[in-house]
C-alpha atoms as a PDB file:
ATOM      1  CA  UNK A   1      85.225 102.248  -1.224  1.00  0.00           C
ATOM      2  CA  UNK A   2      87.994 104.701  -0.384  1.00  0.00           C
ATOM      3  CA  UNK A   3      91.712 104.654   0.287  1.00  0.00           C
ATOM      4  CA  UNK A   4      92.883 106.134   3.572  1.00  0.00           C
ATOM      5  CA  UNK A   5      95.501 108.773   4.211  1.00  0.00           C
ATOM      6  CA  UNK A   6      96.767 110.388   7.365  1.00  0.00           C
ATOM      7  CA  UNK A   7      98.422 113.740   7.999  1.00  0.00           C
ATOM      8  CA  UNK A   8     101.712 114.035   9.874  1.00  0.00           C
ATOM      9  CA  UNK A   9     103.847 117.041  10.724  1.00  0.00           C
ATOM     10  CA  UNK A  10     107.224 117.348   9.029  1.00  0.00           C
ATOM     11  CA  UNK A  11     110.334 117.404  11.246  1.00  0.00           C
ATOM     12  CA  UNK A  12     111.469 120.838  12.440  1.00  0.00           C
ATOM     13  CA  UNK A  13     114.905 120.470  10.812  1.00  0.00           C
ATOM     14  CA  UNK A  14     115.817 124.134  11.216  1.00  0.00           C
ATOM     15  CA  UNK A  15     114.838 123.975  14.901  1.00  0.00           C
ATOM     16  CA  UNK A  16     112.668 127.059  14.616  1.00  0.00           C
ATOM     17  CA  UNK A  17     110.233 125.854  17.251  1.00  0.00           C
ATOM     18  CA  UNK A  18     107.437 126.806  14.876  1.00  0.00           C
ATOM     19  CA  UNK A  19     104.652 124.498  13.775  1.00  0.00           C
ATOM     20  CA  UNK A  20     105.668 122.629  10.628  1.00  0.00           C
ATOM     21  CA  UNK A  21     103.528 121.939   7.529  1.00  0.00           C
ATOM     22  CA  UNK A  22     101.700 118.646   7.254  1.00  0.00           C
ATOM     23  CA  UNK A  23     102.310 115.929   4.704  1.00  0.00           C
ATOM     24  CA  UNK A  24      99.973 113.156   3.590  1.00  0.00           C
ATOM     25  CA  UNK A  25     100.847 109.475   4.012  1.00  0.00           C
ATOM     26  CA  UNK A  26      98.986 106.555   2.485  1.00  0.00           C
ATOM     27  CA  UNK A  27      97.564 104.249   5.164  1.00  0.00           C
ATOM     28  CA  UNK A  28      97.213 100.662   3.965  1.00  0.00           C
ATOM     29  CA  UNK A  29      94.160  98.698   5.075  1.00  0.00           C
ATOM     30  CA  UNK A  30      96.224  95.521   4.924  1.00  0.00           C
ATOM     31  CA  UNK A  31      98.025  93.374   2.353  1.00  0.00           C
ATOM     32  CA  UNK A  32      96.449  91.410  -0.482  1.00  0.00           C
ATOM     33  CA  UNK A  33      98.668  88.359  -0.876  1.00  0.00           C
ATOM     34  CA  UNK A  34      99.336  86.381  -4.047  1.00  0.00           C
ATOM     35  CA  UNK A  35      96.495  83.888  -3.484  1.00  0.00           C
ATOM     36  CA  UNK A  36      93.864  86.540  -2.822  1.00  0.00           C
ATOM     37  CA  UNK A  37      95.053  88.608  -5.776  1.00  0.00           C
ATOM     38  CA  UNK A  38      94.744  85.620  -8.108  1.00  0.00           C
ATOM     39  CA  UNK A  39      91.295  84.869  -6.678  1.00  0.00           C
ATOM     40  CA  UNK A  40      90.226  88.435  -7.438  1.00  0.00           C
ATOM     41  CA  UNK A  41      91.485  88.281 -11.030  1.00  0.00           C
ATOM     42  CA  UNK A  42      89.812  84.876 -11.448  1.00  0.00           C
ATOM     43  CA  UNK A  43      86.441  86.233 -10.267  1.00  0.00           C
ATOM     44  CA  UNK A  44      86.719  89.279 -12.527  1.00  0.00           C
ATOM     45  CA  UNK A  45      87.914  87.518 -15.696  1.00  0.00           C
ATOM     46  CA  UNK A  46      86.795  83.900 -15.335  1.00  0.00           C
ATOM     47  CA  UNK A  47      90.318  82.715 -16.180  1.00  0.00           C
ATOM     48  CA  UNK A  48      91.123  79.567 -14.202  1.00  0.00           C
ATOM     49  CA  UNK A  49      93.286  79.921 -11.118  1.00  0.00           C
ATOM     50  CA  UNK A  50      95.792  77.361 -12.408  1.00  0.00           C
ATOM     51  CA  UNK A  51      96.281  79.344 -15.629  1.00  0.00           C
ATOM     52  CA  UNK A  52      96.718  82.564 -13.651  1.00  0.00           C
ATOM     53  CA  UNK A  53      99.208  80.893 -11.287  1.00  0.00           C
ATOM     54  CA  UNK A  54     101.211  79.604 -14.239  1.00  0.00           C
ATOM     55  CA  UNK A  55     101.115  82.961 -16.006  1.00  0.00           C
ATOM     56  CA  UNK A  56     102.258  84.819 -12.889  1.00  0.00           C
ATOM     57  CA  UNK A  57     105.134  82.373 -12.376  1.00  0.00           C
ATOM     58  CA  UNK A  58     106.111  82.725 -16.042  1.00  0.00           C
ATOM     59  CA  UNK A  59     106.003  86.536 -15.825  1.00  0.00           C
ATOM     60  CA  UNK A  60     108.266  86.544 -12.771  1.00  0.00           C
ATOM     61  CA  UNK A  61     110.716  84.070 -14.318  1.00  0.00           C
ATOM     62  CA  UNK A  62     110.961  86.006 -17.581  1.00  0.00           C
ATOM     63  CA  UNK A  63     111.166  89.355 -15.777  1.00  0.00           C
ATOM     64  CA  UNK A  64     114.038  88.046 -13.635  1.00  0.00           C
ATOM     65  CA  UNK A  65     115.913  86.633 -16.652  1.00  0.00           C
ATOM     66  CA  UNK A  66     115.512  89.797 -18.741  1.00  0.00           C
ATOM     67  CA  UNK A  67     116.681  92.016 -15.883  1.00  0.00           C
ATOM     68  CA  UNK A  68     119.602  89.666 -15.175  1.00  0.00           C
ATOM     69  CA  UNK A  69     120.671  90.019 -18.807  1.00  0.00           C
ATOM     70  CA  UNK A  70     120.759  93.791 -18.662  1.00  0.00           C
ATOM     71  CA  UNK A  71     117.383  94.890 -19.988  1.00  0.00           C
ATOM     72  CA  UNK A  72     114.858  97.393 -18.727  1.00  0.00           C
ATOM     73  CA  UNK A  73     111.472  95.688 -18.830  1.00  0.00           C
ATOM     74  CA  UNK A  74     108.213  97.455 -19.616  1.00  0.00           C
ATOM     75  CA  UNK A  75     105.037  95.755 -18.409  1.00  0.00           C
ATOM     76  CA  UNK A  76     102.500  97.530 -20.563  1.00  0.00           C
ATOM     77  CA  UNK A  77     100.852 100.557 -18.999  1.00  0.00           C
ATOM     78  CA  UNK A  78     101.998  99.447 -15.537  1.00  0.00           C
ATOM     79  CA  UNK A  79     105.508 100.831 -16.001  1.00  0.00           C
ATOM     80  CA  UNK A  80     109.193  99.993 -16.215  1.00  0.00           C
ATOM     81  CA  UNK A  81     111.535  97.865 -14.078  1.00  0.00           C
ATOM     82  CA  UNK A  82     115.284  98.594 -14.029  1.00  0.00           C
ATOM     83  CA  UNK A  83     117.988  97.022 -11.806  1.00  0.00           C
ATOM     84  CA  UNK A  84     119.556  99.269  -9.178  1.00  0.00           C
ATOM     85  CA  UNK A  85     123.218  98.671  -8.301  1.00  0.00           C
ATOM     86  CA  UNK A  86     125.597  99.505  -5.468  1.00  0.00           C
ATOM     87  CA  UNK A  87     129.315  99.216  -4.769  1.00  0.00           C
ATOM     88  CA  UNK A  88     130.258  96.838  -1.949  1.00  0.00           C
ATOM     89  CA  UNK A  89     133.416  98.740  -1.135  1.00  0.00           C
ATOM     90  CA  UNK A  90     134.158 102.416  -0.874  1.00  0.00           C
ATOM     91  CA  UNK A  91     136.091 103.808  -3.830  1.00  0.00           C
ATOM     92  CA  UNK A  92     137.010 107.273  -5.024  1.00  0.00           C
ATOM     93  CA  UNK A  93     138.414 106.375  -8.462  1.00  0.00           C
ATOM     94  CA  UNK A  94     136.769 104.270 -11.183  1.00  0.00           C
ATOM     95  CA  UNK A  95     139.805 102.020 -11.640  1.00  0.00           C
ATOM     96  CA  UNK A  96     139.508 100.968  -7.973  1.00  0.00           C
ATOM     97  CA  UNK A  97     136.177  99.238  -8.669  1.00  0.00           C
ATOM     98  CA  UNK A  98     136.020  95.730 -10.138  1.00  0.00           C
ATOM     99  CA  UNK A  99     132.931  93.868 -11.311  1.00  0.00           C
ATOM    100  CA  UNK A 100     133.026  91.671  -8.214  1.00  0.00           C
ATOM    101  CA  UNK A 101     132.549  94.789  -6.076  1.00  0.00           C
ATOM    102  CA  UNK A 102     129.333  95.803  -7.836  1.00  0.00           C
ATOM    103  CA  UNK A 103     126.127  94.097  -6.709  1.00  0.00           C
ATOM    104  CA  UNK A 104     122.387  94.267  -7.165  1.00  0.00           C
ATOM    105  CA  UNK A 105     120.795  96.591  -4.611  1.00  0.00           C
ATOM    106  CA  UNK A 106     117.184  96.288  -5.744  1.00  0.00           C
ATOM    107  CA  UNK A 107     114.805  97.335  -8.499  1.00  0.00           C
ATOM    108  CA  UNK A 108     113.738 100.778  -9.589  1.00  0.00           C
ATOM    109  CA  UNK A 109     110.150 101.006 -10.769  1.00  0.00           C
ATOM    110  CA  UNK A 110     108.846 103.884 -12.902  1.00  0.00           C
ATOM    111  CA  UNK A 111     105.087 104.017 -13.061  1.00  0.00           C
ATOM    112  CA  UNK A 112     103.561 104.332 -16.521  1.00  0.00           C
ATOM    113  CA  UNK A 113     101.818 107.635 -17.236  1.00  0.00           C
ATOM    114  CA  UNK A 114      98.531 106.049 -18.357  1.00  0.00           C
ATOM    115  CA  UNK A 115      98.383 103.718 -15.331  1.00  0.00           C
ATOM    116  CA  UNK A 116      99.088 106.679 -13.053  1.00  0.00           C
ATOM    117  CA  UNK A 117      96.295 108.702 -14.646  1.00  0.00           C
ATOM    118  CA  UNK A 118      93.832 105.805 -14.423  1.00  0.00           C
ATOM    119  CA  UNK A 119      94.768 105.063 -10.808  1.00  0.00           C
ATOM    120  CA  UNK A 120      94.560 108.726  -9.832  1.00  0.00           C
ATOM    121  CA  UNK A 121      91.159 109.046 -11.469  1.00  0.00           C
ATOM    122  CA  UNK A 122      89.816 105.931  -9.738  1.00  0.00           C
ATOM    123  CA  UNK A 123      91.252 106.468  -6.255  1.00  0.00           C
ATOM    124  CA  UNK A 124      88.961 108.167  -3.758  1.00  0.00           C
ATOM    125  CA  UNK A 125      90.853 109.361  -0.713  1.00  0.00           C
ATOM    126  CA  UNK A 126      89.516 110.047   2.737  1.00  0.00           C
ATOM    127  CA  UNK A 127      91.133 110.803   6.067  1.00  0.00           C
ATOM    128  CA  UNK A 128      91.703 107.702   8.177  1.00  0.00           C
ATOM    129  CA  UNK A 129      89.088 107.497  10.937  1.00  0.00           C
ATOM    130  CA  UNK A 130      90.667 108.911  14.067  1.00  0.00           C
ATOM    131  CA  UNK A 131      90.618 107.026  17.373  1.00  0.00           C
ATOM    132  CA  UNK A 132      88.361 108.321  20.125  1.00  0.00           C
ATOM    133  CA  UNK A 133      91.396 108.603  22.439  1.00  0.00           C
ATOM    134  CA  UNK A 134      94.114 111.084  21.354  1.00  0.00           C
ATOM    135  CA  UNK A 135      97.277 109.395  20.157  1.00  0.00           C
ATOM    136  CA  UNK A 136     100.149 109.205  22.624  1.00  0.00           C
ATOM    137  CA  UNK A 137     103.529 107.520  22.581  1.00  0.00           C
ATOM    138  CA  UNK A 138     101.842 104.410  23.965  1.00  0.00           C
ATOM    139  CA  UNK A 139      99.218 104.005  21.239  1.00  0.00           C
ATOM    140  CA  UNK A 140     100.980 105.378  18.170  1.00  0.00           C
ATOM    141  CA  UNK A 141     101.377 102.886  15.355  1.00  0.00           C
ATOM    142  CA  UNK A 142     104.869 101.411  15.161  1.00  0.00           C
ATOM    143  CA  UNK A 143     105.693 103.411  12.015  1.00  0.00           C
ATOM    144  CA  UNK A 144     104.431 106.646  13.553  1.00  0.00           C
ATOM    145  CA  UNK A 145     106.418 105.951  16.714  1.00  0.00           C
ATOM    146  CA  UNK A 146     109.596 105.409  14.670  1.00  0.00           C
ATOM    147  CA  UNK A 147     108.952 108.642  12.793  1.00  0.00           C
ATOM    148  CA  UNK A 148     108.534 110.413  16.130  1.00  0.00           C
ATOM    149  CA  UNK A 149     111.916 109.056  17.285  1.00  0.00           C
ATOM    150  CA  UNK A 150     113.480 110.119  13.978  1.00  0.00           C
ATOM    151  CA  UNK A 151     111.939 113.594  14.247  1.00  0.00           C
ATOM    152  CA  UNK A 152     113.323 114.029  17.765  1.00  0.00           C
ATOM    153  CA  UNK A 153     116.757 112.836  16.619  1.00  0.00           C
ATOM    154  CA  UNK A 154     116.834 115.258  13.659  1.00  0.00           C
ATOM    155  CA  UNK A 155     115.927 118.153  15.912  1.00  0.00           C
ATOM    156  CA  UNK A 156     119.203 117.482  17.762  1.00  0.00           C
ATOM    157  CA  UNK A 157     121.364 116.411  14.792  1.00  0.00           C
ATOM    158  CA  UNK A 158     121.708 117.579  11.181  1.00  0.00           C
ATOM    159  CA  UNK A 159     121.401 114.096   9.664  1.00  0.00           C
ATOM    160  CA  UNK A 160     121.218 110.367  10.379  1.00  0.00           C
ATOM    161  CA  UNK A 161     122.650 107.273   8.693  1.00  0.00           C
ATOM    162  CA  UNK A 162     121.129 103.811   8.356  1.00  0.00           C
ATOM    163  CA  UNK A 163     123.071 102.267  11.226  1.00  0.00           C
ATOM    164  CA  UNK A 164     122.118 105.116  13.574  1.00  0.00           C
ATOM    165  CA  UNK A 165     118.456 104.793  12.608  1.00  0.00           C
ATOM    166  CA  UNK A 166     118.574 101.027  13.176  1.00  0.00           C
ATOM    167  CA  UNK A 167     120.013 101.536  16.683  1.00  0.00           C
ATOM    168  CA  UNK A 168     117.555 104.342  17.421  1.00  0.00           C
ATOM    169  CA  UNK A 169     114.479 102.299  16.518  1.00  0.00           C
ATOM    170  CA  UNK A 170     115.616  98.732  17.198  1.00  0.00           C
ATOM    171  CA  UNK A 171     115.094  97.798  13.551  1.00  0.00           C
ATOM    172  CA  UNK A 172     117.296  95.443  11.550  1.00  0.00           C
ATOM    173  CA  UNK A 173     119.530  97.013   8.906  1.00  0.00           C
ATOM    174  CA  UNK A 174     117.174  95.926   6.103  1.00  0.00           C
ATOM    175  CA  UNK A 175     114.111  97.171   7.993  1.00  0.00           C
ATOM    176  CA  UNK A 176     115.868 100.476   8.649  1.00  0.00           C
ATOM    177  CA  UNK A 177     116.532 100.953   4.928  1.00  0.00           C
ATOM    178  CA  UNK A 178     112.874 100.163   4.151  1.00  0.00           C
ATOM    179  CA  UNK A 179     111.696 102.718   6.721  1.00  0.00           C
ATOM    180  CA  UNK A 180     114.033 105.428   5.465  1.00  0.00           C
ATOM    181  CA  UNK A 181     113.012 104.821   1.849  1.00  0.00           C
ATOM    182  CA  UNK A 182     109.367 105.122   2.908  1.00  0.00           C
ATOM    183  CA  UNK A 183     110.086 108.454   4.588  1.00  0.00           C
ATOM    184  CA  UNK A 184     111.732 109.612   1.337  1.00  0.00           C
ATOM    185  CA  UNK A 185     108.628 108.592  -0.623  1.00  0.00           C
ATOM    186  CA  UNK A 186     106.522 110.464   1.929  1.00  0.00           C
ATOM    187  CA  UNK A 187     108.545 113.584   1.187  1.00  0.00           C
ATOM    188  CA  UNK A 188     109.936 114.147   4.681  1.00  0.00           C
ATOM    189  CA  UNK A 189     113.510 112.922   4.153  1.00  0.00           C
ATOM    190  CA  UNK A 190     116.198 113.497   1.540  1.00  0.00           C
ATOM    191  CA  UNK A 191     119.081 111.100   0.885  1.00  0.00           C
ATOM    192  CA  UNK A 192     122.607 112.430   0.378  1.00  0.00           C
ATOM    193  CA  UNK A 193     125.750 110.563  -0.696  1.00  0.00           C
ATOM    194  CA  UNK A 194     126.367 107.099  -2.083  1.00  0.00           C
ATOM    195  CA  UNK A 195     127.140 103.632  -0.760  1.00  0.00           C
ATOM    196  CA  UNK A 196     128.308 103.579   2.850  1.00  0.00           C
ATOM    197  CA  UNK A 197     128.416 107.369   2.913  1.00  0.00           C
ATOM    198  CA  UNK A 198     124.645 107.763   2.569  1.00  0.00           C
ATOM    199  CA  UNK A 199     123.006 110.003   5.160  1.00  0.00           C
ATOM    200  CA  UNK A 200     119.453 111.245   5.534  1.00  0.00           C
ATOM    201  CA  UNK A 201     118.222 114.695   6.484  1.00  0.00           C
ATOM    202  CA  UNK A 202     114.852 116.338   6.768  1.00  0.00           C
ATOM    203  CA  UNK A 203     113.437 117.871   3.617  1.00  0.00           C
ATOM    204  CA  UNK A 204     113.497 121.649   3.861  1.00  0.00           C
END
């Protein structure tokens, strides 16, 4: 079994008109949900599904409580979870910010070195099978189509913010943030600024 990747061209941020280098993007075959994941662990270990369900619920409860109380949590070789925060209102001086204005934005996850090495050693990558018909705007995947729209926008403008991307692609604000973060992970975008002043530009 192999994992799929695809190759996409980076945006021509400098508007040179020249062909841009390619970058690799992981292409998921689908999503393994909680039930299927537990079934897989059950088949591999023989541990009952009810025990696994209870253990998973207990892990999530304890992880949430530890993070809520200000701890970074290490889950063995898997890695570390740390809360990520944001300010709800724009401020230039520290004394302008009160605790009520600071909120949870999400979680940062840092992959453990050993898990990374094991995963890298086990993963076998191959190019995603290409369709018989060349891709066009009509048959691009939704993510590829949104990247195409973003690429075209960045060829005309130096940067884009989350609201502009949401309007450009018809995504909700939350979906827009998820897309932009994915493009950052893919290495084609860079984020600048903080809070409401965040903008995104192509990686040079």
